[in-house]
Amino acid sequence: MKNSDGSAAPLFLPIAILMIAMGCFQIGATLAKGLFPLVGAVGATALRTGIAAIVLSFVWRPWRLRFTRPEARAMIIYGIALGCMNLSFYSALDTIPLGIAVAIEFTGPLAVAVAASRRITDFVWIALAAVGLLALLPLGRDTRPLAAQGVALALIAGVCWALYIIYGRRAGASHGGASTALGMLISSLFIVPIGLAKNGAALLSPSILMTGTAVAVVSSALPYSLEMMAMPKIPTRVLGVLLSLEPVLAALAGFVFLNEHLSWLQWTAIACIMIASAGSASGSRAEALAN
């Protein structure tokens, strides 16, 4: 990727922005799990989506945007994918651990990375990330089996995540962070009614609204805006592999906030994913300078 003057555009800033966004997602997920006993995963998703839509609309004022027909199509798909991703992921968290849910969900971004790869070294980094992700899954004899429903929901979230990456880059290319506000509004149109139908007035409790606001800001308003600024500036294959850090950050968030301790095998898996991400970013930087 190059700047308007022909010089290579540095990747450090968009990568740093993406890292901050991913950290916010995992902290927000730990906060959201506290709402599950009160309003369930569906209610937590409705609070996150609805409040985030209000906050983002106030900041970005998406009603001022104008779209061509292809841009409008990308925006609608982006909004639907965003809502379905949040709903299926929180529903998965209700039955399986955070780090495992994120690892399974990552099959979506990993598929995007594979589809966008062109060089042999890209496949090396992707393979290393895949090895790390497999090591994070409880496949050994001494681990308890995962709930099939949770695994299925995490896989659905992965499909939605892949669509979010593809159409989010298209939607954000022309309108940046304002696209996030409109996408969240689109997702709230069908997520919030589901939450209200399931939980009713419980969602309007002051204490629940306060926690829901914190979840919405940390999990949606802030990170989605940051991602929308960063994604159009990062090559698709690099974006897909960089997002492999999500299970790493999820494991760290579980350790810090939920007192979840990791085995040596899990830490080795985290190291594999970090090396893969760094290798992919370094290769992309070298390619950008060469072009």
C-alpha atoms as a PDB file:
ATOM      1  CA  MET A   1       0.000   0.000   0.000  1.00  0.00           C
ATOM      2  CA  LYS A   2       1.312   3.461  -0.935  1.00  0.00           C
ATOM      3  CA  ASN A   3       0.602   7.055  -0.032  1.00  0.00           C
ATOM      4  CA  SER A   4      -0.649   9.621  -2.541  1.00  0.00           C
ATOM      5  CA  ASP A   5       2.919  10.820  -3.116  1.00  0.00           C
ATOM      6  CA  GLY A   6       4.023   7.315  -4.134  1.00  0.00           C
ATOM      7  CA  SER A   7       5.876   6.490  -0.912  1.00  0.00           C
ATOM      8  CA  ALA A   8       5.117   3.324   1.028  1.00  0.00           C
ATOM      9  CA  ALA A   9       2.438   3.815   3.667  1.00  0.00           C
ATOM     10  CA  PRO A  10       3.648   2.650   7.104  1.00  0.00           C
ATOM     11  CA  LEU A  11       1.663  -0.193   8.642  1.00  0.00           C
ATOM     12  CA  PHE A  12       2.676   0.476  12.249  1.00  0.00           C
ATOM     13  CA  LEU A  13      -0.128   2.917  13.084  1.00  0.00           C
ATOM     14  CA  PRO A  14      -3.076   0.903  11.672  1.00  0.00           C
ATOM     15  CA  ILE A  15      -1.682  -2.268  13.262  1.00  0.00           C
ATOM     16  CA  ALA A  16      -1.376  -0.496  16.633  1.00  0.00           C
ATOM     17  CA  ILE A  17      -4.965   0.773  16.313  1.00  0.00           C
ATOM     18  CA  LEU A  18      -6.158  -2.748  15.487  1.00  0.00           C
ATOM     19  CA  MET A  19      -4.348  -4.149  18.543  1.00  0.00           C
ATOM     20  CA  ILE A  20      -6.064  -1.647  20.847  1.00  0.00           C
ATOM     21  CA  ALA A  21      -9.420  -2.568  19.330  1.00  0.00           C
ATOM     22  CA  MET A  22      -8.826  -6.291  19.883  1.00  0.00           C
ATOM     23  CA  GLY A  23      -7.871  -5.668  23.513  1.00  0.00           C
ATOM     24  CA  CYS A  24     -11.113  -3.758  24.037  1.00  0.00           C
ATOM     25  CA  PHE A  25     -13.119  -6.652  22.601  1.00  0.00           C
ATOM     26  CA  GLN A  26     -11.741  -9.120  25.144  1.00  0.00           C
ATOM     27  CA  ILE A  27     -12.136  -6.817  28.141  1.00  0.00           C
ATOM     28  CA  GLY A  28     -15.694  -6.143  27.039  1.00  0.00           C
ATOM     29  CA  ALA A  29     -16.371  -9.877  26.750  1.00  0.00           C
ATOM     30  CA  THR A  30     -15.385 -10.402  30.375  1.00  0.00           C
ATOM     31  CA  LEU A  31     -17.752  -7.595  31.407  1.00  0.00           C
ATOM     32  CA  ALA A  32     -20.565  -9.020  29.284  1.00  0.00           C
ATOM     33  CA  LYS A  33     -20.348 -12.440  30.955  1.00  0.00           C
ATOM     34  CA  GLY A  34     -21.381 -10.723  34.168  1.00  0.00           C
ATOM     35  CA  LEU A  35     -24.710  -9.880  32.533  1.00  0.00           C
ATOM     36  CA  PHE A  36     -25.476 -13.450  31.469  1.00  0.00           C
ATOM     37  CA  PRO A  37     -26.997 -14.549  34.822  1.00  0.00           C
ATOM     38  CA  LEU A  38     -29.282 -11.499  34.744  1.00  0.00           C
ATOM     39  CA  VAL A  39     -30.449 -11.135  31.132  1.00  0.00           C
ATOM     40  CA  GLY A  40     -28.801 -14.027  29.305  1.00  0.00           C
ATOM     41  CA  ALA A  41     -26.556 -13.904  26.262  1.00  0.00           C
ATOM     42  CA  VAL A  42     -29.342 -12.539  24.057  1.00  0.00           C
ATOM     43  CA  GLY A  43     -30.117  -9.717  26.456  1.00  0.00           C
ATOM     44  CA  ALA A  44     -26.426  -8.818  26.795  1.00  0.00           C
ATOM     45  CA  THR A  45     -26.124  -8.723  23.013  1.00  0.00           C
ATOM     46  CA  ALA A  46     -29.185  -6.486  22.711  1.00  0.00           C
ATOM     47  CA  LEU A  47     -27.788  -4.067  25.298  1.00  0.00           C
ATOM     48  CA  ARG A  48     -24.391  -4.005  23.639  1.00  0.00           C
ATOM     49  CA  THR A  49     -25.814  -3.473  20.152  1.00  0.00           C
ATOM     50  CA  GLY A  50     -28.548  -0.993  21.025  1.00  0.00           C
ATOM     51  CA  ILE A  51     -26.487   1.262  23.299  1.00  0.00           C
ATOM     52  CA  ALA A  52     -23.484   1.138  20.966  1.00  0.00           C
ATOM     53  CA  ALA A  53     -25.721   2.174  18.054  1.00  0.00           C
ATOM     54  CA  ILE A  54     -26.882   5.230  20.024  1.00  0.00           C
ATOM     55  CA  VAL A  55     -23.349   6.208  21.085  1.00  0.00           C
ATOM     56  CA  LEU A  56     -21.866   5.722  17.627  1.00  0.00           C
ATOM     57  CA  SER A  57     -24.708   7.604  15.934  1.00  0.00           C
ATOM     58  CA  PHE A  58     -24.186  10.550  18.289  1.00  0.00           C
ATOM     59  CA  VAL A  59     -20.465  10.614  17.471  1.00  0.00           C
ATOM     60  CA  TRP A  60     -20.500   9.888  13.730  1.00  0.00           C
ATOM     61  CA  ARG A  61     -24.004  11.079  12.609  1.00  0.00           C
ATOM     62  CA  PRO A  62     -24.337   8.382   9.911  1.00  0.00           C
ATOM     63  CA  TRP A  63     -27.531   9.870   8.451  1.00  0.00           C
ATOM     64  CA  ARG A  64     -25.309  12.298   6.544  1.00  0.00           C
ATOM     65  CA  LEU A  65     -23.686   9.495   4.544  1.00  0.00           C
ATOM     66  CA  ARG A  66     -24.421   8.960   0.860  1.00  0.00           C
ATOM     67  CA  PHE A  67     -23.820   5.623  -0.847  1.00  0.00           C
ATOM     68  CA  THR A  68     -23.588   4.198  -4.316  1.00  0.00           C
ATOM     69  CA  ARG A  69     -25.543   0.968  -4.874  1.00  0.00           C
ATOM     70  CA  PRO A  70     -22.469  -1.298  -4.352  1.00  0.00           C
ATOM     71  CA  GLU A  71     -21.542   0.651  -1.207  1.00  0.00           C
ATOM     72  CA  ALA A  72     -25.087   0.313   0.151  1.00  0.00           C
ATOM     73  CA  ARG A  73     -25.042  -3.432  -0.511  1.00  0.00           C
ATOM     74  CA  ALA A  74     -21.710  -3.798   1.315  1.00  0.00           C
ATOM     75  CA  MET A  75     -23.025  -1.742   4.230  1.00  0.00           C
ATOM     76  CA  ILE A  76     -26.181  -3.845   4.631  1.00  0.00           C
ATOM     77  CA  ILE A  77     -24.224  -7.112   4.580  1.00  0.00           C
ATOM     78  CA  TYR A  78     -21.702  -5.607   7.001  1.00  0.00           C
ATOM     79  CA  GLY A  79     -24.452  -4.616   9.443  1.00  0.00           C
ATOM     80  CA  ILE A  80     -26.181  -8.011   9.284  1.00  0.00           C
ATOM     81  CA  ALA A  81     -22.855  -9.835   9.739  1.00  0.00           C
ATOM     82  CA  LEU A  82     -22.007  -7.577  12.680  1.00  0.00           C
ATOM     83  CA  GLY A  83     -25.253  -8.329  14.492  1.00  0.00           C
ATOM     84  CA  CYS A  84     -25.160 -12.069  13.835  1.00  0.00           C
ATOM     85  CA  MET A  85     -21.502 -12.247  14.877  1.00  0.00           C
ATOM     86  CA  ASN A  86     -22.218 -10.599  18.225  1.00  0.00           C
ATOM     87  CA  LEU A  87     -25.316 -12.682  18.930  1.00  0.00           C
ATOM     88  CA  SER A  88     -23.761 -16.037  18.036  1.00  0.00           C
ATOM     89  CA  PHE A  89     -20.502 -15.279  19.880  1.00  0.00           C
ATOM     90  CA  TYR A  90     -22.198 -14.241  23.135  1.00  0.00           C
ATOM     91  CA  SER A  91     -24.494 -17.256  22.869  1.00  0.00           C
ATOM     92  CA  ALA A  92     -21.400 -19.449  22.499  1.00  0.00           C
ATOM     93  CA  LEU A  93     -19.819 -17.850  25.576  1.00  0.00           C
ATOM     94  CA  ASP A  94     -22.817 -19.030  27.574  1.00  0.00           C
ATOM     95  CA  THR A  95     -21.668 -22.655  27.207  1.00  0.00           C
ATOM     96  CA  ILE A  96     -17.910 -22.669  26.422  1.00  0.00           C
ATOM     97  CA  PRO A  97     -14.909 -20.683  27.796  1.00  0.00           C
ATOM     98  CA  LEU A  98     -13.880 -17.318  26.338  1.00  0.00           C
ATOM     99  CA  GLY A  99     -10.472 -18.339  24.980  1.00  0.00           C
ATOM    100  CA  ILE A 100     -11.827 -21.482  23.332  1.00  0.00           C
ATOM    101  CA  ALA A 101     -14.785 -19.612  21.821  1.00  0.00           C
ATOM    102  CA  VAL A 102     -12.454 -17.034  20.287  1.00  0.00           C
ATOM    103  CA  ALA A 103     -10.132 -19.764  18.980  1.00  0.00           C
ATOM    104  CA  ILE A 104     -12.998 -21.572  17.250  1.00  0.00           C
ATOM    105  CA  GLU A 105     -14.437 -18.301  15.955  1.00  0.00           C
ATOM    106  CA  PHE A 106     -11.086 -17.487  14.389  1.00  0.00           C
ATOM    107  CA  THR A 107     -11.663 -20.109  11.687  1.00  0.00           C
ATOM    108  CA  GLY A 108     -13.436 -17.296   9.811  1.00  0.00           C
ATOM    109  CA  PRO A 109     -10.536 -14.794   9.700  1.00  0.00           C
ATOM    110  CA  LEU A 110      -8.091 -17.653   9.073  1.00  0.00           C
ATOM    111  CA  ALA A 111     -10.121 -18.648   6.012  1.00  0.00           C
ATOM    112  CA  VAL A 112      -9.914 -15.044   4.805  1.00  0.00           C
ATOM    113  CA  ALA A 113      -6.148 -15.105   5.256  1.00  0.00           C
ATOM    114  CA  VAL A 114      -5.829 -18.384   3.315  1.00  0.00           C
ATOM    115  CA  ALA A 115      -8.006 -17.092   0.466  1.00  0.00           C
ATOM    116  CA  ALA A 116      -5.955 -13.889   0.155  1.00  0.00           C
ATOM    117  CA  SER A 117      -2.513 -15.548   0.306  1.00  0.00           C
ATOM    118  CA  ARG A 118      -0.207 -15.576  -2.686  1.00  0.00           C
ATOM    119  CA  ARG A 119       3.295 -16.337  -1.362  1.00  0.00           C
ATOM    120  CA  ILE A 120       4.670 -19.534   0.145  1.00  0.00           C
ATOM    121  CA  THR A 121       5.773 -17.652   3.269  1.00  0.00           C
ATOM    122  CA  ASP A 122       2.188 -16.521   3.839  1.00  0.00           C
ATOM    123  CA  PHE A 123       1.096 -20.150   4.096  1.00  0.00           C
ATOM    124  CA  VAL A 124       3.953 -20.821   6.553  1.00  0.00           C
ATOM    125  CA  TRP A 125       2.697 -18.090   8.886  1.00  0.00           C
ATOM    126  CA  ILE A 126      -0.905 -19.238   8.496  1.00  0.00           C
ATOM    127  CA  ALA A 127       0.098 -22.850   9.214  1.00  0.00           C
ATOM    128  CA  LEU A 128       1.962 -21.744  12.345  1.00  0.00           C
ATOM    129  CA  ALA A 129      -1.073 -19.771  13.517  1.00  0.00           C
ATOM    130  CA  ALA A 130      -3.301 -22.794  12.832  1.00  0.00           C
ATOM    131  CA  VAL A 131      -1.025 -25.050  14.906  1.00  0.00           C
ATOM    132  CA  GLY A 132      -1.259 -22.589  17.777  1.00  0.00           C
ATOM    133  CA  LEU A 133      -5.036 -22.437  17.527  1.00  0.00           C
ATOM    134  CA  LEU A 134      -5.361 -26.232  17.518  1.00  0.00           C
ATOM    135  CA  ALA A 135      -3.194 -26.407  20.635  1.00  0.00           C
ATOM    136  CA  LEU A 136      -5.588 -24.019  22.376  1.00  0.00           C
ATOM    137  CA  LEU A 137      -8.520 -26.359  21.809  1.00  0.00           C
ATOM    138  CA  PRO A 138      -9.232 -29.059  24.444  1.00  0.00           C
ATOM    139  CA  LEU A 139      -8.561 -32.055  22.214  1.00  0.00           C
ATOM    140  CA  GLY A 140      -6.652 -34.195  24.703  1.00  0.00           C
ATOM    141  CA  ARG A 141      -8.006 -37.175  26.620  1.00  0.00           C
ATOM    142  CA  ASP A 142      -7.920 -35.387  29.958  1.00  0.00           C
ATOM    143  CA  THR A 143     -10.056 -32.447  28.887  1.00  0.00           C
ATOM    144  CA  ARG A 144     -13.803 -32.230  29.272  1.00  0.00           C
ATOM    145  CA  PRO A 145     -15.797 -32.302  26.018  1.00  0.00           C
ATOM    146  CA  LEU A 146     -17.123 -29.000  24.737  1.00  0.00           C
ATOM    147  CA  ALA A 147     -20.829 -28.318  24.437  1.00  0.00           C
ATOM    148  CA  ALA A 148     -21.793 -29.038  20.819  1.00  0.00           C
ATOM    149  CA  GLN A 149     -24.148 -26.060  20.781  1.00  0.00           C
ATOM    150  CA  GLY A 150     -21.386 -23.715  21.899  1.00  0.00           C
ATOM    151  CA  VAL A 151     -18.982 -25.022  19.261  1.00  0.00           C
ATOM    152  CA  ALA A 152     -21.611 -24.636  16.530  1.00  0.00           C
ATOM    153  CA  LEU A 153     -22.414 -21.082  17.619  1.00  0.00           C
ATOM    154  CA  ALA A 154     -18.710 -20.179  17.694  1.00  0.00           C
ATOM    155  CA  LEU A 155     -18.323 -21.538  14.151  1.00  0.00           C
ATOM    156  CA  ILE A 156     -21.308 -19.447  13.014  1.00  0.00           C
ATOM    157  CA  ALA A 157     -19.656 -16.443  14.630  1.00  0.00           C
ATOM    158  CA  GLY A 158     -16.514 -17.285  12.625  1.00  0.00           C
ATOM    159  CA  VAL A 159     -18.443 -17.221   9.344  1.00  0.00           C
ATOM    160  CA  CYS A 160     -19.937 -13.861  10.307  1.00  0.00           C
ATOM    161  CA  TRP A 161     -16.485 -12.610  11.312  1.00  0.00           C
ATOM    162  CA  ALA A 162     -15.160 -13.452   7.850  1.00  0.00           C
ATOM    163  CA  LEU A 163     -18.028 -11.519   6.237  1.00  0.00           C
ATOM    164  CA  TYR A 164     -17.402  -8.670   8.669  1.00  0.00           C
ATOM    165  CA  ILE A 165     -13.776  -8.444   7.534  1.00  0.00           C
ATOM    166  CA  ILE A 166     -14.554  -8.587   3.827  1.00  0.00           C
ATOM    167  CA  TYR A 167     -17.499  -6.206   3.760  1.00  0.00           C
ATOM    168  CA  GLY A 168     -16.210  -4.066   6.624  1.00  0.00           C
ATOM    169  CA  ARG A 169     -13.152  -3.139   4.579  1.00  0.00           C
ATOM    170  CA  ARG A 170     -15.394  -2.211   1.647  1.00  0.00           C
ATOM    171  CA  ALA A 171     -17.794  -0.200   3.799  1.00  0.00           C
ATOM    172  CA  GLY A 172     -15.020   1.569   5.658  1.00  0.00           C
ATOM    173  CA  ALA A 173     -12.976   2.432   2.583  1.00  0.00           C
ATOM    174  CA  SER A 174     -15.270   5.337   1.649  1.00  0.00           C
ATOM    175  CA  HIS A 175     -16.763   6.483   4.953  1.00  0.00           C
ATOM    176  CA  GLY A 176     -14.403   5.299   7.719  1.00  0.00           C
ATOM    177  CA  GLY A 177     -15.727   5.204  11.267  1.00  0.00           C
ATOM    178  CA  ALA A 178     -19.136   6.570  10.258  1.00  0.00           C
ATOM    179  CA  SER A 179     -19.765   3.236   8.554  1.00  0.00           C
ATOM    180  CA  THR A 180     -19.487   1.544  11.938  1.00  0.00           C
ATOM    181  CA  ALA A 181     -22.338   3.632  13.312  1.00  0.00           C
ATOM    182  CA  LEU A 182     -24.602   2.773  10.399  1.00  0.00           C
ATOM    183  CA  GLY A 183     -23.616  -0.900  10.536  1.00  0.00           C
ATOM    184  CA  MET A 184     -24.435  -0.992  14.249  1.00  0.00           C
ATOM    185  CA  LEU A 185     -27.789   0.679  13.585  1.00  0.00           C
ATOM    186  CA  ILE A 186     -28.583  -1.974  10.976  1.00  0.00           C
ATOM    187  CA  SER A 187     -27.661  -4.783  13.372  1.00  0.00           C
ATOM    188  CA  SER A 188     -29.668  -3.235  16.227  1.00  0.00           C
ATOM    189  CA  LEU A 189     -32.828  -3.275  14.080  1.00  0.00           C
ATOM    190  CA  PHE A 190     -33.113  -7.050  14.516  1.00  0.00           C
ATOM    191  CA  ILE A 191     -30.982  -7.740  17.619  1.00  0.00           C
ATOM    192  CA  VAL A 192     -32.688  -5.328  20.038  1.00  0.00           C
ATOM    193  CA  PRO A 193     -36.251  -6.603  19.331  1.00  0.00           C
ATOM    194  CA  ILE A 194     -35.064 -10.157  19.995  1.00  0.00           C
ATOM    195  CA  GLY A 195     -33.571  -9.095  23.314  1.00  0.00           C
ATOM    196  CA  LEU A 196     -36.682  -7.178  24.336  1.00  0.00           C
ATOM    197  CA  ALA A 197     -38.940 -10.078  23.432  1.00  0.00           C
ATOM    198  CA  LYS A 198     -36.860 -12.428  25.579  1.00  0.00           C
ATOM    199  CA  ASN A 199     -36.144 -10.188  28.585  1.00  0.00           C
ATOM    200  CA  GLY A 200     -38.674  -7.350  28.488  1.00  0.00           C
ATOM    201  CA  ALA A 201     -38.335  -4.599  31.095  1.00  0.00           C
ATOM    202  CA  ALA A 202     -35.343  -6.305  32.746  1.00  0.00           C
ATOM    203  CA  LEU A 203     -33.109  -4.664  30.135  1.00  0.00           C
ATOM    204  CA  LEU A 204     -34.204  -1.224  31.385  1.00  0.00           C
ATOM    205  CA  SER A 205     -33.076  -1.754  34.980  1.00  0.00           C
ATOM    206  CA  PRO A 206     -30.665   1.096  35.952  1.00  0.00           C
ATOM    207  CA  SER A 207     -27.940  -1.251  37.184  1.00  0.00           C
ATOM    208  CA  ILE A 208     -28.190  -3.444  34.086  1.00  0.00           C
ATOM    209  CA  LEU A 209     -28.225  -0.406  31.800  1.00  0.00           C
ATOM    210  CA  MET A 210     -25.084   0.902  33.500  1.00  0.00           C
ATOM    211  CA  THR A 211     -23.206  -2.344  32.948  1.00  0.00           C
ATOM    212  CA  GLY A 212     -24.637  -2.629  29.440  1.00  0.00           C
ATOM    213  CA  THR A 213     -23.364   0.857  28.627  1.00  0.00           C
ATOM    214  CA  ALA A 214     -19.867  -0.093  29.751  1.00  0.00           C
ATOM    215  CA  VAL A 215     -20.030  -3.273  27.635  1.00  0.00           C
ATOM    216  CA  ALA A 216     -21.315  -1.322  24.616  1.00  0.00           C
ATOM    217  CA  VAL A 217     -18.555   1.280  24.773  1.00  0.00           C
ATOM    218  CA  VAL A 218     -15.681  -1.122  25.469  1.00  0.00           C
ATOM    219  CA  SER A 219     -16.902  -3.977  23.241  1.00  0.00           C
ATOM    220  CA  SER A 220     -18.465  -2.077  20.334  1.00  0.00           C
ATOM    221  CA  ALA A 221     -18.391   1.726  20.132  1.00  0.00           C
ATOM    222  CA  LEU A 222     -14.653   2.141  20.659  1.00  0.00           C
ATOM    223  CA  PRO A 223     -13.147  -0.998  19.061  1.00  0.00           C
ATOM    224  CA  TYR A 224     -15.392  -1.104  15.987  1.00  0.00           C
ATOM    225  CA  SER A 225     -14.598   2.536  15.249  1.00  0.00           C
ATOM    226  CA  LEU A 226     -10.890   1.807  15.622  1.00  0.00           C
ATOM    227  CA  GLU A 227     -11.148  -1.285  13.419  1.00  0.00           C
ATOM    228  CA  MET A 228     -12.989   0.631  10.737  1.00  0.00           C
ATOM    229  CA  MET A 229     -10.149   3.159  10.636  1.00  0.00           C
ATOM    230  CA  ALA A 230      -7.484   0.454  10.531  1.00  0.00           C
ATOM    231  CA  MET A 231      -8.951  -2.296   8.293  1.00  0.00           C
ATOM    232  CA  PRO A 232      -8.936  -0.406   4.964  1.00  0.00           C
ATOM    233  CA  LYS A 233      -5.224   0.364   5.448  1.00  0.00           C
ATOM    234  CA  ILE A 234      -4.116  -3.221   6.151  1.00  0.00           C
ATOM    235  CA  PRO A 235      -3.829  -5.832   3.349  1.00  0.00           C
ATOM    236  CA  THR A 236      -6.491  -8.528   3.636  1.00  0.00           C
ATOM    237  CA  ARG A 237      -4.107 -11.437   4.217  1.00  0.00           C
ATOM    238  CA  VAL A 238      -2.174  -9.474   6.870  1.00  0.00           C
ATOM    239  CA  LEU A 239      -5.415  -8.463   8.554  1.00  0.00           C
ATOM    240  CA  GLY A 240      -6.570 -12.069   8.709  1.00  0.00           C
ATOM    241  CA  VAL A 241      -3.367 -13.313  10.326  1.00  0.00           C
ATOM    242  CA  LEU A 242      -3.038 -10.341  12.684  1.00  0.00           C
ATOM    243  CA  LEU A 243      -6.486 -11.123  14.012  1.00  0.00           C
ATOM    244  CA  SER A 244      -5.039 -14.468  15.142  1.00  0.00           C
ATOM    245  CA  LEU A 245      -3.964 -12.514  18.214  1.00  0.00           C
ATOM    246  CA  GLU A 246      -7.595 -12.561  19.356  1.00  0.00           C
ATOM    247  CA  PRO A 247      -7.233 -15.952  21.143  1.00  0.00           C
ATOM    248  CA  VAL A 248      -4.031 -14.659  22.742  1.00  0.00           C
ATOM    249  CA  LEU A 249      -5.740 -11.570  24.103  1.00  0.00           C
ATOM    250  CA  ALA A 250      -8.747 -13.644  25.161  1.00  0.00           C
ATOM    251  CA  ALA A 251      -6.490 -15.970  27.144  1.00  0.00           C
ATOM    252  CA  LEU A 252      -4.754 -13.008  28.786  1.00  0.00           C
ATOM    253  CA  ALA A 253      -8.092 -11.358  29.601  1.00  0.00           C
ATOM    254  CA  GLY A 254      -9.285 -14.621  31.129  1.00  0.00           C
ATOM    255  CA  PHE A 255      -6.117 -14.808  33.239  1.00  0.00           C
ATOM    256  CA  VAL A 256      -6.286 -11.190  34.454  1.00  0.00           C
ATOM    257  CA  PHE A 257     -10.034 -10.756  34.947  1.00  0.00           C
ATOM    258  CA  LEU A 258     -11.380 -14.301  35.357  1.00  0.00           C
ATOM    259  CA  ASN A 259      -8.389 -15.958  37.071  1.00  0.00           C
ATOM    260  CA  GLU A 260      -8.023 -18.536  34.291  1.00  0.00           C
ATOM    261  CA  HIS A 261      -4.564 -20.130  34.397  1.00  0.00           C
ATOM    262  CA  LEU A 262      -2.895 -21.531  31.268  1.00  0.00           C
ATOM    263  CA  SER A 263      -0.823 -24.684  30.803  1.00  0.00           C
ATOM    264  CA  TRP A 264       2.609 -24.682  29.193  1.00  0.00           C
ATOM    265  CA  LEU A 265       1.049 -26.078  26.001  1.00  0.00           C
ATOM    266  CA  GLN A 266      -1.385 -23.183  25.829  1.00  0.00           C
ATOM    267  CA  TRP A 267       1.407 -20.639  26.327  1.00  0.00           C
ATOM    268  CA  THR A 268       3.349 -22.385  23.532  1.00  0.00           C
ATOM    269  CA  ALA A 269       0.279 -22.049  21.328  1.00  0.00           C
ATOM    270  CA  ILE A 270       0.117 -18.353  22.137  1.00  0.00           C
ATOM    271  CA  ALA A 271       3.778 -17.965  21.168  1.00  0.00           C
ATOM    272  CA  CYS A 272       3.128 -19.672  17.807  1.00  0.00           C
ATOM    273  CA  ILE A 273       0.283 -17.300  17.047  1.00  0.00           C
ATOM    274  CA  MET A 274       2.318 -14.220  18.023  1.00  0.00           C
ATOM    275  CA  ILE A 275       5.254 -15.315  15.835  1.00  0.00           C
ATOM    276  CA  ALA A 276       2.903 -15.940  12.914  1.00  0.00           C
ATOM    277  CA  SER A 277       1.353 -12.511  13.295  1.00  0.00           C
ATOM    278  CA  ALA A 278       4.730 -10.759  13.529  1.00  0.00           C
ATOM    279  CA  GLY A 279       6.063 -12.676  10.533  1.00  0.00           C
ATOM    280  CA  SER A 280       3.078 -11.807   8.397  1.00  0.00           C
ATOM    281  CA  ALA A 281       3.254  -8.111   9.291  1.00  0.00           C
ATOM    282  CA  SER A 282       7.019  -8.005   8.608  1.00  0.00           C
ATOM    283  CA  GLY A 283       6.567  -9.683   5.229  1.00  0.00           C
ATOM    284  CA  SER A 284       3.857  -7.235   4.272  1.00  0.00           C
ATOM    285  CA  ARG A 285       6.030  -4.274   5.255  1.00  0.00           C
ATOM    286  CA  ALA A 286       8.898  -5.553   3.138  1.00  0.00           C
ATOM    287  CA  GLU A 287       6.544  -6.072   0.184  1.00  0.00           C
ATOM    288  CA  ALA A 288       5.122  -2.537   0.584  1.00  0.00           C
ATOM    289  CA  LEU A 289       8.618  -1.039   0.528  1.00  0.00           C
ATOM    290  CA  ALA A 290       9.524  -3.082  -2.540  1.00  0.00           C
ATOM    291  CA  ASN A 291       6.459  -1.843  -4.408  1.00  0.00           C
END
